[in-house]
């Protein structure tokens, strides 16, 4: 299998990497502009409170991303 390159280390990028690995890929590169993975799902502490910049929506039962997370 060829090298897999995934741009974006948010939830979708991480799940894409896991799925690629499940399908047999072993040469996977995950590119993220920030210093850690997580994207908008990653909380930030502000004045001692956990804050999130974006929203995360999940589809109905049977949605591929939801199924992977479950």
N, C-alpha and C. Protein backbone atom coordinates (compact mmCIF):
# COMPACT_ATOMS: atom_id res chain seq x y z
N UNK A 1 0.84 -1.18 0.00
CA UNK A 1 0.00 0.00 0.00
C UNK A 1 0.88 1.24 0.00
N UNK A 2 0.43 2.29 -0.62
CA UNK A 2 1.18 3.54 -0.70
C UNK A 2 1.13 4.32 0.60
N UNK A 3 1.95 5.36 0.64
CA UNK A 3 1.95 6.26 1.78
C UNK A 3 0.63 7.04 1.80
N UNK A 4 0.05 7.15 2.99
CA UNK A 4 -1.18 7.90 3.18
C UNK A 4 -0.82 9.21 3.87
N UNK A 5 -1.26 10.32 3.29
CA UNK A 5 -1.05 11.64 3.90
C UNK A 5 -2.41 12.24 4.20
N UNK A 6 -2.60 12.64 5.43
CA UNK A 6 -3.86 13.24 5.87
C UNK A 6 -3.55 14.64 6.37
N UNK A 7 -4.27 15.61 5.81
CA UNK A 7 -4.09 17.00 6.21
C UNK A 7 -5.20 17.35 7.19
N UNK A 8 -4.83 17.70 8.39
CA UNK A 8 -5.79 18.06 9.42
C UNK A 8 -5.81 17.03 10.52
N UNK A 9 -5.45 17.45 11.71
CA UNK A 9 -5.39 16.54 12.85
C UNK A 9 -6.56 16.69 13.79
N UNK A 10 -7.70 17.12 13.25
CA UNK A 10 -8.91 17.16 14.06
C UNK A 10 -9.53 15.78 14.16
N UNK A 11 -10.74 15.74 14.65
CA UNK A 11 -11.41 14.47 14.84
C UNK A 11 -11.52 13.67 13.55
N UNK A 12 -11.88 14.33 12.45
CA UNK A 12 -12.02 13.62 11.18
C UNK A 12 -10.69 13.10 10.67
N UNK A 13 -9.62 13.88 10.80
CA UNK A 13 -8.29 13.43 10.38
C UNK A 13 -7.80 12.24 11.19
N UNK A 14 -8.04 12.30 12.49
CA UNK A 14 -7.63 11.19 13.36
C UNK A 14 -8.41 9.92 12.99
N UNK A 15 -9.72 10.07 12.77
CA UNK A 15 -10.52 8.91 12.39
C UNK A 15 -10.11 8.37 11.02
N UNK A 16 -9.73 9.26 10.09
CA UNK A 16 -9.26 8.81 8.78
C UNK A 16 -7.98 7.99 8.93
N UNK A 17 -7.08 8.44 9.80
CA UNK A 17 -5.84 7.70 10.04
C UNK A 17 -6.13 6.33 10.66
N UNK A 18 -7.05 6.28 11.61
CA UNK A 18 -7.41 5.00 12.22
C UNK A 18 -8.04 4.05 11.20
N UNK A 19 -8.90 4.59 10.34
CA UNK A 19 -9.54 3.77 9.32
C UNK A 19 -8.51 3.26 8.31
N UNK A 20 -7.58 4.14 7.90
CA UNK A 20 -6.53 3.72 6.97
C UNK A 20 -5.69 2.59 7.58
N UNK A 21 -5.38 2.72 8.86
CA UNK A 21 -4.62 1.68 9.54
C UNK A 21 -5.42 0.38 9.60
N UNK A 22 -6.71 0.49 9.90
CA UNK A 22 -7.57 -0.70 9.95
C UNK A 22 -7.62 -1.41 8.60
N UNK A 23 -7.51 -0.62 7.52
CA UNK A 23 -7.55 -1.19 6.17
C UNK A 23 -6.18 -1.68 5.69
N UNK A 24 -5.17 -1.58 6.54
CA UNK A 24 -3.87 -2.15 6.21
C UNK A 24 -2.74 -1.17 5.97
N UNK A 25 -3.03 0.13 5.94
CA UNK A 25 -1.98 1.12 5.72
C UNK A 25 -1.08 1.18 6.96
N UNK A 26 0.21 1.27 6.73
CA UNK A 26 1.16 1.38 7.84
C UNK A 26 2.05 2.61 7.70
N UNK A 27 2.08 3.21 6.53
CA UNK A 27 2.88 4.41 6.30
C UNK A 27 1.92 5.60 6.21
N UNK A 28 1.51 6.10 7.37
CA UNK A 28 0.50 7.15 7.47
C UNK A 28 1.14 8.40 8.05
N UNK A 29 0.96 9.53 7.37
CA UNK A 29 1.45 10.81 7.87
C UNK A 29 0.25 11.71 8.12
N UNK A 30 0.19 12.27 9.31
CA UNK A 30 -0.90 13.14 9.69
C UNK A 30 -0.33 14.54 9.91
N UNK A 31 -0.79 15.50 9.13
CA UNK A 31 -0.28 16.88 9.19
C UNK A 31 -1.28 17.77 9.94
N UNK A 32 -0.78 18.48 10.92
CA UNK A 32 -1.62 19.39 11.70
C UNK A 32 -0.87 20.70 11.88
N UNK A 33 -1.56 21.82 11.70
CA UNK A 33 -0.92 23.14 11.81
C UNK A 33 -0.64 23.54 13.26
N UNK A 34 -1.39 22.98 14.19
CA UNK A 34 -1.19 23.31 15.60
C UNK A 34 -0.18 22.34 16.21
N UNK A 35 0.20 22.60 17.46
CA UNK A 35 1.21 21.76 18.10
C UNK A 35 0.66 20.48 18.72
N UNK A 36 -0.66 20.28 18.62
CA UNK A 36 -1.25 19.03 19.11
C UNK A 36 -2.49 18.68 18.29
N UNK A 37 -2.87 17.41 18.36
CA UNK A 37 -4.03 16.94 17.61
C UNK A 37 -5.31 17.27 18.37
N UNK A 38 -6.42 17.33 17.63
CA UNK A 38 -7.71 17.51 18.28
C UNK A 38 -8.62 18.48 17.56
N UNK A 39 -8.06 19.48 16.88
CA UNK A 39 -8.88 20.45 16.15
C UNK A 39 -9.86 21.16 17.07
N UNK A 40 -11.08 21.39 16.58
CA UNK A 40 -12.07 22.11 17.38
C UNK A 40 -12.58 21.29 18.56
N UNK A 41 -12.32 19.99 18.55
CA UNK A 41 -12.74 19.14 19.67
C UNK A 41 -11.82 19.32 20.88
N UNK A 42 -10.65 19.89 20.65
CA UNK A 42 -9.67 20.06 21.72
C UNK A 42 -10.05 21.26 22.59
N UNK A 43 -10.28 21.04 23.87
CA UNK A 43 -10.65 22.16 24.73
C UNK A 43 -9.46 23.04 25.06
N UNK A 44 -9.76 24.30 25.34
CA UNK A 44 -8.73 25.25 25.78
C UNK A 44 -9.16 25.77 27.15
N UNK A 45 -8.19 26.00 28.01
CA UNK A 45 -8.50 26.55 29.32
C UNK A 45 -8.41 28.07 29.26
N UNK A 46 -9.48 28.73 29.67
CA UNK A 46 -9.52 30.20 29.74
C UNK A 46 -10.09 30.58 31.09
N UNK A 47 -9.28 31.26 31.86
CA UNK A 47 -9.68 31.66 33.21
C UNK A 47 -10.16 30.47 34.03
N UNK A 48 -9.49 29.33 33.86
CA UNK A 48 -9.81 28.14 34.62
C UNK A 48 -11.03 27.37 34.12
N UNK A 49 -11.59 27.80 32.98
CA UNK A 49 -12.75 27.12 32.42
C UNK A 49 -12.40 26.47 31.09
N UNK A 50 -12.99 25.31 30.85
CA UNK A 50 -12.76 24.60 29.61
C UNK A 50 -13.66 25.18 28.52
N UNK A 51 -13.04 25.64 27.43
CA UNK A 51 -13.78 26.26 26.32
C UNK A 51 -13.43 25.53 25.02
N UNK A 52 -14.38 25.49 24.11
CA UNK A 52 -14.17 24.91 22.79
C UNK A 52 -14.52 25.95 21.74
N UNK A 53 -13.70 26.02 20.68
CA UNK A 53 -13.89 27.01 19.63
C UNK A 53 -15.01 26.67 18.67
N UNK A 54 -15.16 25.41 18.33
CA UNK A 54 -16.11 25.03 17.29
C UNK A 54 -17.16 24.06 17.80
N UNK A 55 -18.02 23.68 16.90
CA UNK A 55 -19.08 22.72 17.21
C UNK A 55 -18.77 21.38 16.56
N UNK A 56 -19.20 20.32 17.18
CA UNK A 56 -19.04 18.99 16.62
C UNK A 56 -20.43 18.39 16.50
N UNK A 57 -20.78 18.00 15.29
CA UNK A 57 -22.08 17.40 15.05
C UNK A 57 -21.90 15.94 14.65
N UNK A 58 -22.75 15.09 15.15
CA UNK A 58 -22.73 13.68 14.79
C UNK A 58 -24.03 13.34 14.09
N UNK A 59 -23.92 12.47 13.13
CA UNK A 59 -25.09 12.05 12.38
C UNK A 59 -25.94 11.07 13.17
N UNK A 60 -26.99 10.56 12.54
CA UNK A 60 -27.87 9.61 13.20
C UNK A 60 -27.21 8.24 13.37
N UNK A 61 -27.85 7.38 14.07
CA UNK A 61 -27.36 6.01 14.24
C UNK A 61 -27.04 5.43 12.87
N UNK A 62 -25.89 4.81 12.71
CA UNK A 62 -25.48 4.25 11.42
C UNK A 62 -24.56 5.17 10.63
N UNK A 63 -24.41 6.43 11.05
CA UNK A 63 -23.48 7.36 10.40
C UNK A 63 -22.07 6.80 10.56
N UNK A 64 -21.25 6.77 9.49
CA UNK A 64 -19.92 6.13 9.57
C UNK A 64 -19.02 6.71 10.66
N UNK A 65 -18.98 8.02 10.82
CA UNK A 65 -18.13 8.62 11.85
C UNK A 65 -18.64 8.27 13.24
N UNK A 66 -19.93 8.36 13.43
CA UNK A 66 -20.51 8.00 14.73
C UNK A 66 -20.24 6.54 15.04
N UNK A 67 -20.37 5.66 14.04
CA UNK A 67 -20.12 4.24 14.27
C UNK A 67 -18.68 3.99 14.70
N UNK A 68 -17.72 4.68 14.07
CA UNK A 68 -16.32 4.52 14.47
C UNK A 68 -16.11 4.97 15.90
N UNK A 69 -16.72 6.07 16.29
CA UNK A 69 -16.55 6.57 17.65
C UNK A 69 -17.21 5.66 18.68
N UNK A 70 -18.35 5.09 18.30
CA UNK A 70 -19.04 4.21 19.25
C UNK A 70 -18.27 2.92 19.44
